[in-house]
Amino acid sequence: MSTAIICLILIVICIYSIKSYAKKLSHGCCGQESRVSHHTRNYKQYPYCYKIWIDGISCQNCLIKIENTFNQDKNNHLHIHSKNHTGTLYAKIPLSHDKIIQAIETLGYKVINIENVINK
């Protein structure tokens, strides 16, 4: 009897694990995110520019989640490069490094470094 109960528990755990893994394969590790539309591609409208190194991005949905945090504000445009997990943040108003770090780390990611860049 106890062997049957243990086997039943193991079967339930296996089914749950397979469903969870299938969900991660289809939607990424952190759910399915839809990209916020970019306000403009004319980066000359953004006089402030920051390069950000981010750790903890493991899928495309992680990347989109971070971008959306900044792109919801019409004064910002963030593009993260998926290969090296660096982001270029364009802003119409100056942003403090602390504010940028707080916004990203609130989502569960780690900022490695931020540099001010001259927007050309």
PDB file of N, CA and C in Angstrom:
ATOM      1  N   MET A   1       0.825  -1.202   0.000  1.00  0.00           N
ATOM      2  CA  MET A   1       0.000   0.000   0.000  1.00  0.00           C
ATOM      3  C   MET A   1       0.864   1.258   0.000  1.00  0.00           C
ATOM      4  N   SER A   2       1.873   1.297   0.863  1.00  0.00           N
ATOM      5  CA  SER A   2       2.733   2.489   0.910  1.00  0.00           C
ATOM      6  C   SER A   2       3.523   2.641  -0.382  1.00  0.00           C
ATOM      7  N   THR A   3       3.883   1.532  -1.018  1.00  0.00           N
ATOM      8  CA  THR A   3       4.596   1.600  -2.300  1.00  0.00           C
ATOM      9  C   THR A   3       3.699   2.230  -3.366  1.00  0.00           C
ATOM     10  N   ALA A   4       2.433   1.888  -3.372  1.00  0.00           N
ATOM     11  CA  ALA A   4       1.488   2.451  -4.345  1.00  0.00           C
ATOM     12  C   ALA A   4       1.323   3.950  -4.133  1.00  0.00           C
ATOM     13  N   ILE A   5       1.262   4.390  -2.886  1.00  0.00           N
ATOM     14  CA  ILE A   5       1.124   5.824  -2.587  1.00  0.00           C
ATOM     15  C   ILE A   5       2.367   6.580  -3.038  1.00  0.00           C
ATOM     16  N   ILE A   6       3.529   6.022  -2.776  1.00  0.00           N
ATOM     17  CA  ILE A   6       4.786   6.664  -3.197  1.00  0.00           C
ATOM     18  C   ILE A   6       4.845   6.739  -4.719  1.00  0.00           C
ATOM     19  N   CYS A   7       4.464   5.670  -5.398  1.00  0.00           N
ATOM     20  CA  CYS A   7       4.454   5.676  -6.866  1.00  0.00           C
ATOM     21  C   CYS A   7       3.485   6.722  -7.406  1.00  0.00           C
ATOM     22  N   LEU A   8       2.317   6.843  -6.789  1.00  0.00           N
ATOM     23  CA  LEU A   8       1.325   7.831  -7.207  1.00  0.00           C
ATOM     24  C   LEU A   8       1.866   9.249  -7.032  1.00  0.00           C
ATOM     25  N   ILE A   9       2.526   9.517  -5.926  1.00  0.00           N
ATOM     26  CA  ILE A   9       3.126  10.837  -5.678  1.00  0.00           C
ATOM     27  C   ILE A   9       4.208  11.128  -6.727  1.00  0.00           C
ATOM     28  N   LEU A  10       5.035  10.144  -7.040  1.00  0.00           N
ATOM     29  CA  LEU A  10       6.080  10.325  -8.057  1.00  0.00           C
ATOM     30  C   LEU A  10       5.487  10.593  -9.438  1.00  0.00           C
ATOM     31  N   ILE A  11       4.395   9.919  -9.761  1.00  0.00           N
ATOM     32  CA  ILE A  11       3.729  10.148 -11.052  1.00  0.00           C
ATOM     33  C   ILE A  11       3.181  11.571 -11.122  1.00  0.00           C
ATOM     34  N   VAL A  12       2.555  12.048 -10.045  1.00  0.00           N
ATOM     35  CA  VAL A  12       2.023  13.413 -10.010  1.00  0.00           C
ATOM     36  C   VAL A  12       3.161  14.430 -10.162  1.00  0.00           C
ATOM     37  N   ILE A  13       4.265  14.206  -9.480  1.00  0.00           N
ATOM     38  CA  ILE A  13       5.424  15.104  -9.596  1.00  0.00           C
ATOM     39  C   ILE A  13       5.958  15.107 -11.020  1.00  0.00           C
ATOM     40  N   CYS A  14       6.050  13.939 -11.648  1.00  0.00           N
ATOM     41  CA  CYS A  14       6.540  13.860 -13.029  1.00  0.00           C
ATOM     42  C   CYS A  14       5.618  14.598 -13.995  1.00  0.00           C
ATOM     43  N   ILE A  15       4.316  14.421 -13.840  1.00  0.00           N
ATOM     44  CA  ILE A  15       3.359  15.108 -14.725  1.00  0.00           C
ATOM     45  C   ILE A  15       3.476  16.622 -14.559  1.00  0.00           C
ATOM     46  N   TYR A  16       3.551  17.085 -13.323  1.00  0.00           N
ATOM     47  CA  TYR A  16       3.694  18.518 -13.063  1.00  0.00           C
ATOM     48  C   TYR A  16       4.993  19.047 -13.681  1.00  0.00           C
ATOM     49  N   SER A  17       6.079  18.315 -13.534  1.00  0.00           N
ATOM     50  CA  SER A  17       7.376  18.747 -14.075  1.00  0.00           C
ATOM     51  C   SER A  17       7.338  18.828 -15.595  1.00  0.00           C
ATOM     52  N   ILE A  18       6.726  17.857 -16.235  1.00  0.00           N
ATOM     53  CA  ILE A  18       6.646  17.855 -17.695  1.00  0.00           C
ATOM     54  C   ILE A  18       5.802  19.022 -18.186  1.00  0.00           C
ATOM     55  N   LYS A  19       4.668  19.286 -17.539  1.00  0.00           N
ATOM     56  CA  LYS A  19       3.825  20.426 -17.935  1.00  0.00           C
ATOM     57  C   LYS A  19       4.565  21.749 -17.739  1.00  0.00           C
ATOM     58  N   SER A  20       5.264  21.879 -16.631  1.00  0.00           N
ATOM     59  CA  SER A  20       6.012  23.102 -16.358  1.00  0.00           C
ATOM     60  C   SER A  20       7.112  23.309 -17.394  1.00  0.00           C
ATOM     61  N   TYR A  21       7.817  22.255 -17.724  1.00  0.00           N
ATOM     62  CA  TYR A  21       8.896  22.342 -18.706  1.00  0.00           C
ATOM     63  C   TYR A  21       8.340  22.693 -20.086  1.00  0.00           C
ATOM     64  N   ALA A  22       7.213  22.095 -20.465  1.00  0.00           N
ATOM     65  CA  ALA A  22       6.587  22.397 -21.757  1.00  0.00           C
ATOM     66  C   ALA A  22       6.169  23.865 -21.821  1.00  0.00           C
ATOM     67  N   LYS A  23       5.675  24.400 -20.714  1.00  0.00           N
ATOM     68  CA  LYS A  23       5.292  25.814 -20.674  1.00  0.00           C
ATOM     69  C   LYS A  23       6.511  26.713 -20.862  1.00  0.00           C
ATOM     70  N   LYS A  24       7.614  26.366 -20.213  1.00  0.00           N
ATOM     71  CA  LYS A  24       8.837  27.165 -20.357  1.00  0.00           C
ATOM     72  C   LYS A  24       9.368  27.110 -21.775  1.00  0.00           C
ATOM     73  N   LEU A  25       9.232  25.966 -22.432  1.00  0.00           N
ATOM     74  CA  LEU A  25       9.689  25.856 -23.815  1.00  0.00           C
ATOM     75  C   LEU A  25       8.859  26.726 -24.747  1.00  0.00           C
ATOM     76  N   SER A  26       7.568  26.816 -24.484  1.00  0.00           N
ATOM     77  CA  SER A  26       6.702  27.574 -25.387  1.00  0.00           C
ATOM     78  C   SER A  26       6.618  29.057 -25.049  1.00  0.00           C
ATOM     79  N   HIS A  27       6.799  29.439 -23.782  1.00  0.00           N
ATOM     80  CA  HIS A  27       6.636  30.831 -23.389  1.00  0.00           C
ATOM     81  C   HIS A  27       7.872  31.451 -22.765  1.00  0.00           C
ATOM     82  N   GLY A  28       8.970  30.756 -22.662  1.00  0.00           N
ATOM     83  CA  GLY A  28      10.160  31.300 -22.020  1.00  0.00           C
ATOM     84  C   GLY A  28      10.080  31.137 -20.512  1.00  0.00           C
ATOM     85  N   CYS A  29      11.140  31.532 -19.839  1.00  0.00           N
ATOM     86  CA  CYS A  29      11.247  31.292 -18.398  1.00  0.00           C
ATOM     87  C   CYS A  29      10.367  32.223 -17.568  1.00  0.00           C
ATOM     88  N   CYS A  30       9.974  33.359 -18.118  1.00  0.00           N
ATOM     89  CA  CYS A  30       9.254  34.336 -17.296  1.00  0.00           C
ATOM     90  C   CYS A  30       7.946  34.770 -17.945  1.00  0.00           C
ATOM     91  N   GLY A  31       7.311  33.862 -18.648  1.00  0.00           N
ATOM     92  CA  GLY A  31       6.025  34.189 -19.244  1.00  0.00           C
ATOM     93  C   GLY A  31       6.176  34.796 -20.613  1.00  0.00           C
ATOM     94  N   GLN A  32       5.068  35.078 -21.229  1.00  0.00           N
ATOM     95  CA  GLN A  32       5.075  35.629 -22.570  1.00  0.00           C
ATOM     96  C   GLN A  32       4.815  37.124 -22.493  1.00  0.00           C
ATOM     97  N   GLU A  33       5.754  37.907 -22.974  1.00  0.00           N
ATOM     98  CA  GLU A  33       5.641  39.361 -22.953  1.00  0.00           C
ATOM     99  C   GLU A  33       5.396  39.870 -24.372  1.00  0.00           C
ATOM    100  N   SER A  34       4.553  40.882 -24.498  1.00  0.00           N
ATOM    101  CA  SER A  34       4.400  41.543 -25.788  1.00  0.00           C
ATOM    102  C   SER A  34       5.147  42.865 -25.714  1.00  0.00           C
ATOM    103  N   ARG A  35       5.789  43.199 -26.794  1.00  0.00           N
ATOM    104  CA  ARG A  35       6.660  44.360 -26.842  1.00  0.00           C
ATOM    105  C   ARG A  35       5.837  45.648 -26.917  1.00  0.00           C
ATOM    106  N   VAL A  36       6.211  46.634 -26.088  1.00  0.00           N
ATOM    107  CA  VAL A  36       5.604  47.962 -26.157  1.00  0.00           C
ATOM    108  C   VAL A  36       6.118  48.626 -27.426  1.00  0.00           C
ATOM    109  N   SER A  37       5.215  49.242 -28.186  1.00  0.00           N
ATOM    110  CA  SER A  37       5.639  49.862 -29.435  1.00  0.00           C
ATOM    111  C   SER A  37       6.611  51.005 -29.157  1.00  0.00           C
ATOM    112  N   HIS A  38       7.599  51.119 -30.025  1.00  0.00           N
ATOM    113  CA  HIS A  38       8.595  52.180 -29.883  1.00  0.00           C
ATOM    114  C   HIS A  38       8.011  53.485 -30.403  1.00  0.00           C
ATOM    115  N   HIS A  39       8.312  54.544 -29.706  1.00  0.00           N
ATOM    116  CA  HIS A  39       7.728  55.838 -30.042  1.00  0.00           C
ATOM    117  C   HIS A  39       8.339  56.411 -31.311  1.00  0.00           C
ATOM    118  N   THR A  40       9.604  56.270 -31.465  1.00  0.00           N
ATOM    119  CA  THR A  40      10.281  56.794 -32.642  1.00  0.00           C
ATOM    120  C   THR A  40      11.615  56.096 -32.792  1.00  0.00           C
ATOM    121  N   ARG A  41      12.099  56.044 -33.982  1.00  0.00           N
ATOM    122  CA  ARG A  41      13.433  55.500 -34.233  1.00  0.00           C
ATOM    123  C   ARG A  41      14.429  56.634 -34.461  1.00  0.00           C
ATOM    124  N   ASN A  42      13.960  57.868 -34.373  1.00  0.00           N
ATOM    125  CA  ASN A  42      14.836  59.022 -34.549  1.00  0.00           C
ATOM    126  C   ASN A  42      15.542  59.302 -33.224  1.00  0.00           C
ATOM    127  N   TYR A  43      16.700  58.697 -33.052  1.00  0.00           N
ATOM    128  CA  TYR A  43      17.412  58.796 -31.780  1.00  0.00           C
ATOM    129  C   TYR A  43      17.988  60.188 -31.533  1.00  0.00           C
ATOM    130  N   LYS A  44      17.983  61.050 -32.528  1.00  0.00           N
ATOM    131  CA  LYS A  44      18.460  62.426 -32.338  1.00  0.00           C
ATOM    132  C   LYS A  44      17.533  63.202 -31.399  1.00  0.00           C
ATOM    133  N   GLN A  45      16.292  62.725 -31.237  1.00  0.00           N
ATOM    134  CA  GLN A  45      15.346  63.375 -30.334  1.00  0.00           C
ATOM    135  C   GLN A  45      15.677  63.109 -28.873  1.00  0.00           C
ATOM    136  N   TYR A  46      16.595  62.182 -28.634  1.00  0.00           N
ATOM    137  CA  TYR A  46      16.961  61.802 -27.271  1.00  0.00           C
ATOM    138  C   TYR A  46      18.385  62.295 -26.989  1.00  0.00           C
ATOM    139  N   PRO A  47      18.544  63.406 -26.304  1.00  0.00           N
ATOM    140  CA  PRO A  47      19.882  63.955 -26.086  1.00  0.00           C
ATOM    141  C   PRO A  47      20.736  63.181 -25.082  1.00  0.00           C
ATOM    142  N   TYR A  48      20.112  62.317 -24.271  1.00  0.00           N
ATOM    143  CA  TYR A  48      20.861  61.576 -23.256  1.00  0.00           C
ATOM    144  C   TYR A  48      20.895  60.098 -23.634  1.00  0.00           C
ATOM    145  N   CYS A  49      22.041  59.495 -23.444  1.00  0.00           N
ATOM    146  CA  CYS A  49      22.216  58.106 -23.835  1.00  0.00           C
ATOM    147  C   CYS A  49      23.052  57.377 -22.784  1.00  0.00           C
ATOM    148  N   TYR A  50      22.638  56.149 -22.454  1.00  0.00           N
ATOM    149  CA  TYR A  50      23.315  55.353 -21.441  1.00  0.00           C
ATOM    150  C   TYR A  50      23.513  53.936 -21.982  1.00  0.00           C
ATOM    151  N   LYS A  51      24.673  53.378 -21.717  1.00  0.00           N
ATOM    152  CA  LYS A  51      24.919  51.970 -22.039  1.00  0.00           C
ATOM    153  C   LYS A  51      24.857  51.197 -20.733  1.00  0.00           C
ATOM    154  N   ILE A  52      24.059  50.127 -20.722  1.00  0.00           N
ATOM    155  CA  ILE A  52      23.789  49.377 -19.493  1.00  0.00           C
ATOM    156  C   ILE A  52      24.150  47.907 -19.715  1.00  0.00           C
ATOM    157  N   TRP A  53      24.933  47.349 -18.802  1.00  0.00           N
ATOM    158  CA  TRP A  53      25.241  45.918 -18.809  1.00  0.00           C
ATOM    159  C   TRP A  53      24.340  45.248 -17.781  1.00  0.00           C
ATOM    160  N   ILE A  54      23.595  44.225 -18.217  1.00  0.00           N
ATOM    161  CA  ILE A  54      22.582  43.595 -17.368  1.00  0.00           C
ATOM    162  C   ILE A  54      22.868  42.102 -17.244  1.00  0.00           C
ATOM    163  N   ASP A  55      22.761  41.587 -16.018  1.00  0.00           N
ATOM    164  CA  ASP A  55      22.955  40.165 -15.769  1.00  0.00           C
ATOM    165  C   ASP A  55      21.622  39.543 -15.362  1.00  0.00           C
ATOM    166  N   GLY A  56      21.412  38.295 -15.747  1.00  0.00           N
ATOM    167  CA  GLY A  56      20.213  37.573 -15.347  1.00  0.00           C
ATOM    168  C   GLY A  56      19.203  37.388 -16.463  1.00  0.00           C
ATOM    169  N   ILE A  57      19.486  37.912 -17.643  1.00  0.00           N
ATOM    170  CA  ILE A  57      18.574  37.738 -18.776  1.00  0.00           C
ATOM    171  C   ILE A  57      18.794  36.330 -19.329  1.00  0.00           C
ATOM    172  N   SER A  58      17.726  35.531 -19.343  1.00  0.00           N
ATOM    173  CA  SER A  58      17.893  34.161 -19.823  1.00  0.00           C
ATOM    174  C   SER A  58      17.040  33.828 -21.042  1.00  0.00           C
ATOM    175  N   CYS A  59      16.144  34.731 -21.434  1.00  0.00           N
ATOM    176  CA  CYS A  59      15.332  34.464 -22.627  1.00  0.00           C
ATOM    177  C   CYS A  59      14.871  35.794 -23.237  1.00  0.00           C
ATOM    178  N   GLN A  60      14.257  35.690 -24.392  1.00  0.00           N
ATOM    179  CA  GLN A  60      13.762  36.867 -25.102  1.00  0.00           C
ATOM    180  C   GLN A  60      12.694  37.599 -24.292  1.00  0.00           C
ATOM    181  N   ASN A  61      11.894  36.868 -23.522  1.00  0.00           N
ATOM    182  CA  ASN A  61      10.848  37.505 -22.721  1.00  0.00           C
ATOM    183  C   ASN A  61      11.431  38.341 -21.589  1.00  0.00           C
ATOM    184  N   CYS A  62      12.549  37.899 -21.017  1.00  0.00           N
ATOM    185  CA  CYS A  62      13.236  38.705 -19.993  1.00  0.00           C
ATOM    186  C   CYS A  62      13.655  40.044 -20.605  1.00  0.00           C
ATOM    187  N   LEU A  63      14.234  39.952 -21.783  1.00  0.00           N
ATOM    188  CA  LEU A  63      14.704  41.139 -22.501  1.00  0.00           C
ATOM    189  C   LEU A  63      13.548  42.111 -22.760  1.00  0.00           C
ATOM    190  N   ILE A  64      12.439  41.584 -23.249  1.00  0.00           N
ATOM    191  CA  ILE A  64      11.275  42.426 -23.563  1.00  0.00           C
ATOM    192  C   ILE A  64      10.704  43.050 -22.298  1.00  0.00           C
ATOM    193  N   LYS A  65      10.690  42.296 -21.200  1.00  0.00           N
ATOM    194  CA  LYS A  65      10.156  42.822 -19.935  1.00  0.00           C
ATOM    195  C   LYS A  65      10.942  44.059 -19.488  1.00  0.00           C
ATOM    196  N   ILE A  66      12.267  44.003 -19.591  1.00  0.00           N
ATOM    197  CA  ILE A  66      13.098  45.139 -19.192  1.00  0.00           C
ATOM    198  C   ILE A  66      12.888  46.309 -20.150  1.00  0.00           C
ATOM    199  N   GLU A  67      12.891  46.033 -21.452  1.00  0.00           N
ATOM    200  CA  GLU A  67      12.663  47.097 -22.438  1.00  0.00           C
ATOM    201  C   GLU A  67      11.330  47.792 -22.196  1.00  0.00           C
ATOM    202  N   ASN A  68      10.278  47.018 -21.943  1.00  0.00           N
ATOM    203  CA  ASN A  68       8.945  47.592 -21.754  1.00  0.00           C
ATOM    204  C   ASN A  68       8.889  48.533 -20.553  1.00  0.00           C
ATOM    205  N   THR A  69       9.668  48.229 -19.520  1.00  0.00           N
ATOM    206  CA  THR A  69       9.684  49.084 -18.332  1.00  0.00           C
ATOM    207  C   THR A  69      10.065  50.514 -18.704  1.00  0.00           C
ATOM    208  N   PHE A  70      11.024  50.664 -19.591  1.00  0.00           N
ATOM    209  CA  PHE A  70      11.468  52.006 -19.990  1.00  0.00           C
ATOM    210  C   PHE A  70      10.670  52.541 -21.174  1.00  0.00           C
ATOM    211  N   ASN A  71      10.279  51.677 -22.103  1.00  0.00           N
ATOM    212  CA  ASN A  71       9.612  52.133 -23.322  1.00  0.00           C
ATOM    213  C   ASN A  71       8.169  52.566 -23.089  1.00  0.00           C
ATOM    214  N   GLN A  72       7.607  52.287 -21.921  1.00  0.00           N
ATOM    215  CA  GLN A  72       6.256  52.762 -21.612  1.00  0.00           C
ATOM    216  C   GLN A  72       6.234  54.281 -21.450  1.00  0.00           C
ATOM    217  N   ASP A  73       7.378  54.852 -21.125  1.00  0.00           N
ATOM    218  CA  ASP A  73       7.503  56.302 -20.965  1.00  0.00           C
ATOM    219  C   ASP A  73       7.964  56.889 -22.293  1.00  0.00           C
ATOM    220  N   LYS A  74       7.205  57.837 -22.832  1.00  0.00           N
ATOM    221  CA  LYS A  74       7.541  58.405 -24.146  1.00  0.00           C
ATOM    222  C   LYS A  74       8.865  59.154 -24.148  1.00  0.00           C
ATOM    223  N   ASN A  75       9.420  59.425 -22.973  1.00  0.00           N
ATOM    224  CA  ASN A  75      10.702  60.124 -22.893  1.00  0.00           C
ATOM    225  C   ASN A  75      11.897  59.188 -22.964  1.00  0.00           C
ATOM    226  N   ASN A  76      11.650  57.874 -23.039  1.00  0.00           N
ATOM    227  CA  ASN A  76      12.734  56.895 -23.041  1.00  0.00           C
ATOM    228  C   ASN A  76      12.571  55.912 -24.185  1.00  0.00           C
ATOM    229  N   HIS A  77      13.693  55.379 -24.597  1.00  0.00           N
ATOM    230  CA  HIS A  77      13.683  54.253 -25.526  1.00  0.00           C
ATOM    231  C   HIS A  77      14.865  53.359 -25.164  1.00  0.00           C
ATOM    232  N   LEU A  78      14.574  52.108 -24.799  1.00  0.00           N
ATOM    233  CA  LEU A  78      15.618  51.146 -24.443  1.00  0.00           C
ATOM    234  C   LEU A  78      15.627  50.025 -25.460  1.00  0.00           C
ATOM    235  N   HIS A  79      16.818  49.715 -25.949  1.00  0.00           N
ATOM    236  CA  HIS A  79      17.007  48.546 -26.810  1.00  0.00           C
ATOM    237  C   HIS A  79      18.097  47.686 -26.184  1.00  0.00           C
ATOM    238  N   ILE A  80      17.790  46.418 -25.922  1.00  0.00           N
ATOM    239  CA  ILE A  80      18.763  45.503 -25.340  1.00  0.00           C
ATOM    240  C   ILE A  80      19.238  44.546 -26.429  1.00  0.00           C
ATOM    241  N   HIS A  81      20.533  44.385 -26.518  1.00  0.00           N
ATOM    242  CA  HIS A  81      21.139  43.484 -27.492  1.00  0.00           C
ATOM    243  C   HIS A  81      21.146  42.080 -26.895  1.00  0.00           C
ATOM    244  N   SER A  82      20.485  41.145 -27.558  1.00  0.00           N
ATOM    245  CA  SER A  82      20.293  39.811 -26.988  1.00  0.00           C
ATOM    246  C   SER A  82      21.584  39.005 -26.888  1.00  0.00           C
ATOM    247  N   LYS A  83      22.571  39.295 -27.724  1.00  0.00           N
ATOM    248  CA  LYS A  83      23.799  38.483 -27.695  1.00  0.00           C
ATOM    249  C   LYS A  83      24.664  38.759 -26.475  1.00  0.00           C
ATOM    250  N   ASN A  84      24.811  40.035 -26.104  1.00  0.00           N
ATOM    251  CA  ASN A  84      25.717  40.355 -24.988  1.00  0.00           C
ATOM    252  C   ASN A  84      25.010  40.991 -23.791  1.00  0.00           C
ATOM    253  N   HIS A  85      23.693  41.069 -23.840  1.00  0.00           N
ATOM    254  CA  HIS A  85      22.873  41.592 -22.736  1.00  0.00           C
ATOM    255  C   HIS A  85      23.284  43.001 -22.313  1.00  0.00           C
ATOM    256  N   THR A  86      23.636  43.806 -23.294  1.00  0.00           N
ATOM    257  CA  THR A  86      23.860  45.224 -23.028  1.00  0.00           C
ATOM    258  C   THR A  86      22.691  45.989 -23.625  1.00  0.00           C
ATOM    259  N   GLY A  87      22.310  47.044 -22.938  1.00  0.00           N
ATOM    260  CA  GLY A  87      21.207  47.853 -23.421  1.00  0.00           C
ATOM    261  C   GLY A  87      21.667  49.264 -23.707  1.00  0.00           C
ATOM    262  N   THR A  88      21.044  49.882 -24.689  1.00  0.00           N
ATOM    263  CA  THR A  88      21.265  51.283 -24.984  1.00  0.00           C
ATOM    264  C   THR A  88      19.970  52.007 -24.650  1.00  0.00           C
ATOM    265  N   LEU A  89      20.045  52.882 -23.664  1.00  0.00           N
ATOM    266  CA  LEU A  89      18.875  53.636 -23.208  1.00  0.00           C
ATOM    267  C   LEU A  89      19.000  55.066 -23.710  1.00  0.00           C
ATOM    268  N   TYR A  90      18.041  55.477 -24.510  1.00  0.00           N
ATOM    269  CA  TYR A  90      17.961  56.853 -24.990  1.00  0.00           C
ATOM    270  C   TYR A  90      16.915  57.569 -24.155  1.00  0.00           C
ATOM    271  N   ALA A  91      17.222  58.798 -23.736  1.00  0.00           N
ATOM    272  CA  ALA A  91      16.292  59.531 -22.874  1.00  0.00           C
ATOM    273  C   ALA A  91      16.226  60.998 -23.293  1.00  0.00           C
ATOM    274  N   LYS A  92      15.037  61.563 -23.165  1.00  0.00           N
ATOM    275  CA  LYS A  92      14.855  62.989 -23.461  1.00  0.00           C
ATOM    276  C   LYS A  92      15.206  63.858 -22.274  1.00  0.00           C
ATOM    277  N   ILE A  93      15.162  63.278 -21.082  1.00  0.00           N
ATOM    278  CA  ILE A  93      15.550  63.999 -19.870  1.00  0.00           C
ATOM    279  C   ILE A  93      16.638  63.187 -19.165  1.00  0.00           C
ATOM    280  N   PRO A  94      17.515  63.823 -18.425  1.00  0.00           N
ATOM    281  CA  PRO A  94      18.577  63.058 -17.768  1.00  0.00           C
ATOM    282  C   PRO A  94      18.008  62.119 -16.696  1.00  0.00           C
ATOM    283  N   LEU A  95      18.587  60.928 -16.607  1.00  0.00           N
ATOM    284  CA  LEU A  95      18.189  59.942 -15.614  1.00  0.00           C
ATOM    285  C   LEU A  95      19.392  59.633 -14.730  1.00  0.00           C
ATOM    286  N   SER A  96      19.151  59.491 -13.442  1.00  0.00           N
ATOM    287  CA  SER A  96      20.252  59.120 -12.552  1.00  0.00           C
ATOM    288  C   SER A  96      20.528  57.629 -12.702  1.00  0.00           C
ATOM    289  N   HIS A  97      21.770  57.265 -12.496  1.00  0.00           N
ATOM    290  CA  HIS A  97      22.126  55.845 -12.564  1.00  0.00           C
ATOM    291  C   HIS A  97      21.339  55.055 -11.524  1.00  0.00           C
ATOM    292  N   ASP A  98      21.123  55.649 -10.363  1.00  0.00           N
ATOM    293  CA  ASP A  98      20.369  54.960  -9.305  1.00  0.00           C
ATOM    294  C   ASP A  98      18.940  54.641  -9.749  1.00  0.00           C
ATOM    295  N   LYS A  99      18.312  55.569 -10.469  1.00  0.00           N
ATOM    296  CA  LYS A  99      16.948  55.354 -10.940  1.00  0.00           C
ATOM    297  C   LYS A  99      16.908  54.221 -11.969  1.00  0.00           C
ATOM    298  N   ILE A 100      17.887  54.190 -12.854  1.00  0.00           N
ATOM    299  CA  ILE A 100      17.967  53.129 -13.867  1.00  0.00           C
ATOM    300  C   ILE A 100      18.176  51.775 -13.189  1.00  0.00           C
ATOM    301  N   ILE A 101      19.121  51.737 -12.244  1.00  0.00           N
ATOM    302  CA  ILE A 101      19.417  50.493 -11.527  1.00  0.00           C
ATOM    303  C   ILE A 101      18.189  50.000 -10.779  1.00  0.00           C
ATOM    304  N   GLN A 102      17.504  50.903 -10.091  1.00  0.00           N
ATOM    305  CA  GLN A 102      16.324  50.518  -9.314  1.00  0.00           C
ATOM    306  C   GLN A 102      15.241  49.934 -10.216  1.00  0.00           C
ATOM    307  N   ALA A 103      15.011  50.554 -11.372  1.00  0.00           N
ATOM    308  CA  ALA A 103      13.968  50.075 -12.281  1.00  0.00           C
ATOM    309  C   ALA A 103      14.275  48.662 -12.780  1.00  0.00           C
ATOM    310  N   ILE A 104      15.537  48.378 -13.072  1.00  0.00           N
ATOM    311  CA  ILE A 104      15.919  47.060 -13.593  1.00  0.00           C
ATOM    312  C   ILE A 104      15.970  46.025 -12.472  1.00  0.00           C
ATOM    313  N   GLU A 105      16.541  46.395 -11.337  1.00  0.00           N
ATOM    314  CA  GLU A 105      16.684  45.422 -10.252  1.00  0.00           C
ATOM    315  C   GLU A 105      15.354  45.103  -9.582  1.00  0.00           C
ATOM    316  N   THR A 106      14.368  45.997  -9.684  1.00  0.00           N
ATOM    317  CA  THR A 106      13.015  45.703  -9.190  1.00  0.00           C
ATOM    318  C   THR A 106      12.412  44.530  -9.956  1.00  0.00           C
ATOM    319  N   LEU A 107      12.815  44.373 -11.205  1.00  0.00           N
ATOM    320  CA  LEU A 107      12.315  43.276 -12.031  1.00  0.00           C
ATOM    321  C   LEU A 107      13.040  41.956 -11.751  1.00  0.00           C
ATOM    322  N   GLY A 108      14.117  42.017 -10.971  1.00  0.00           N
ATOM    323  CA  GLY A 108      14.829  40.799 -10.620  1.00  0.00           C
ATOM    324  C   GLY A 108      16.121  40.575 -11.385  1.00  0.00           C
ATOM    325  N   TYR A 109      16.608  41.593 -12.074  1.00  0.00           N
ATOM    326  CA  TYR A 109      17.850  41.483 -12.832  1.00  0.00           C
ATOM    327  C   TYR A 109      18.922  42.331 -12.155  1.00  0.00           C
ATOM    328  N   LYS A 110      20.158  42.127 -12.517  1.00  0.00           N
ATOM    329  CA  LYS A 110      21.274  42.830 -11.879  1.00  0.00           C
ATOM    330  C   LYS A 110      21.965  43.712 -12.902  1.00  0.00           C
ATOM    331  N   VAL A 111      22.178  44.968 -12.532  1.00  0.00           N
ATOM    332  CA  VAL A 111      22.923  45.892 -13.387  1.00  0.00           C
ATOM    333  C   VAL A 111      24.396  45.761 -13.032  1.00  0.00           C
ATOM    334  N   ILE A 112      25.201  45.440 -14.019  1.00  0.00           N
ATOM    335  CA  ILE A 112      26.647  45.278 -13.826  1.00  0.00           C
ATOM    336  C   ILE A 112      27.338  46.635 -13.907  1.00  0.00           C
ATOM    337  N   ASN A 113      26.950  47.436 -14.892  1.00  0.00           N
ATOM    338  CA  ASN A 113      27.606  48.734 -15.102  1.00  0.00           C
ATOM    339  C   ASN A 113      26.704  49.631 -15.933  1.00  0.00           C
ATOM    340  N   ILE A 114      26.870  50.934 -15.753  1.00  0.00           N
ATOM    341  CA  ILE A 114      26.181  51.934 -16.596  1.00  0.00           C
ATOM    342  C   ILE A 114      27.211  52.972 -17.001  1.00  0.00           C
ATOM    343  N   GLU A 115      27.193  53.341 -18.276  1.00  0.00           N
ATOM    344  CA  GLU A 115      28.060  54.412 -18.771  1.00  0.00           C
ATOM    345  C   GLU A 115      27.213  55.484 -19.448  1.00  0.00           C
ATOM    346  N   ASN A 116      27.555  56.721 -19.240  1.00  0.00           N
ATOM    347  CA  ASN A 116      26.951  57.795 -20.024  1.00  0.00           C
ATOM    348  C   ASN A 116      27.653  57.775 -21.394  1.00  0.00           C
ATOM    349  N   VAL A 117      26.855  57.889 -22.455  1.00  0.00           N
ATOM    350  CA  VAL A 117      27.385  57.850 -23.813  1.00  0.00           C
ATOM    351  C   VAL A 117      26.937  59.100 -24.528  1.00  0.00           C
ATOM    352  N   ILE A 118      27.779  59.628 -25.396  1.00  0.00           N
ATOM    353  CA  ILE A 118      27.390  60.776 -26.212  1.00  0.00           C
ATOM    354  C   ILE A 118      26.549  60.263 -27.367  1.00  0.00           C
ATOM    355  N   ASN A 119      25.310  60.756 -27.475  1.00  0.00           N
ATOM    356  CA  ASN A 119      24.403  60.334 -28.538  1.00  0.00           C
ATOM    357  C   ASN A 119      24.761  61.067 -29.808  1.00  0.00           C
ATOM    358  N   LYS A 120      25.174  60.318 -30.813  1.00  0.00           N
ATOM    359  CA  LYS A 120      25.589  60.924 -32.099  1.00  0.00           C
ATOM    360  C   LYS A 120      24.460  60.942 -33.075  1.00  0.00           C
TER     361      LYS A 120
END
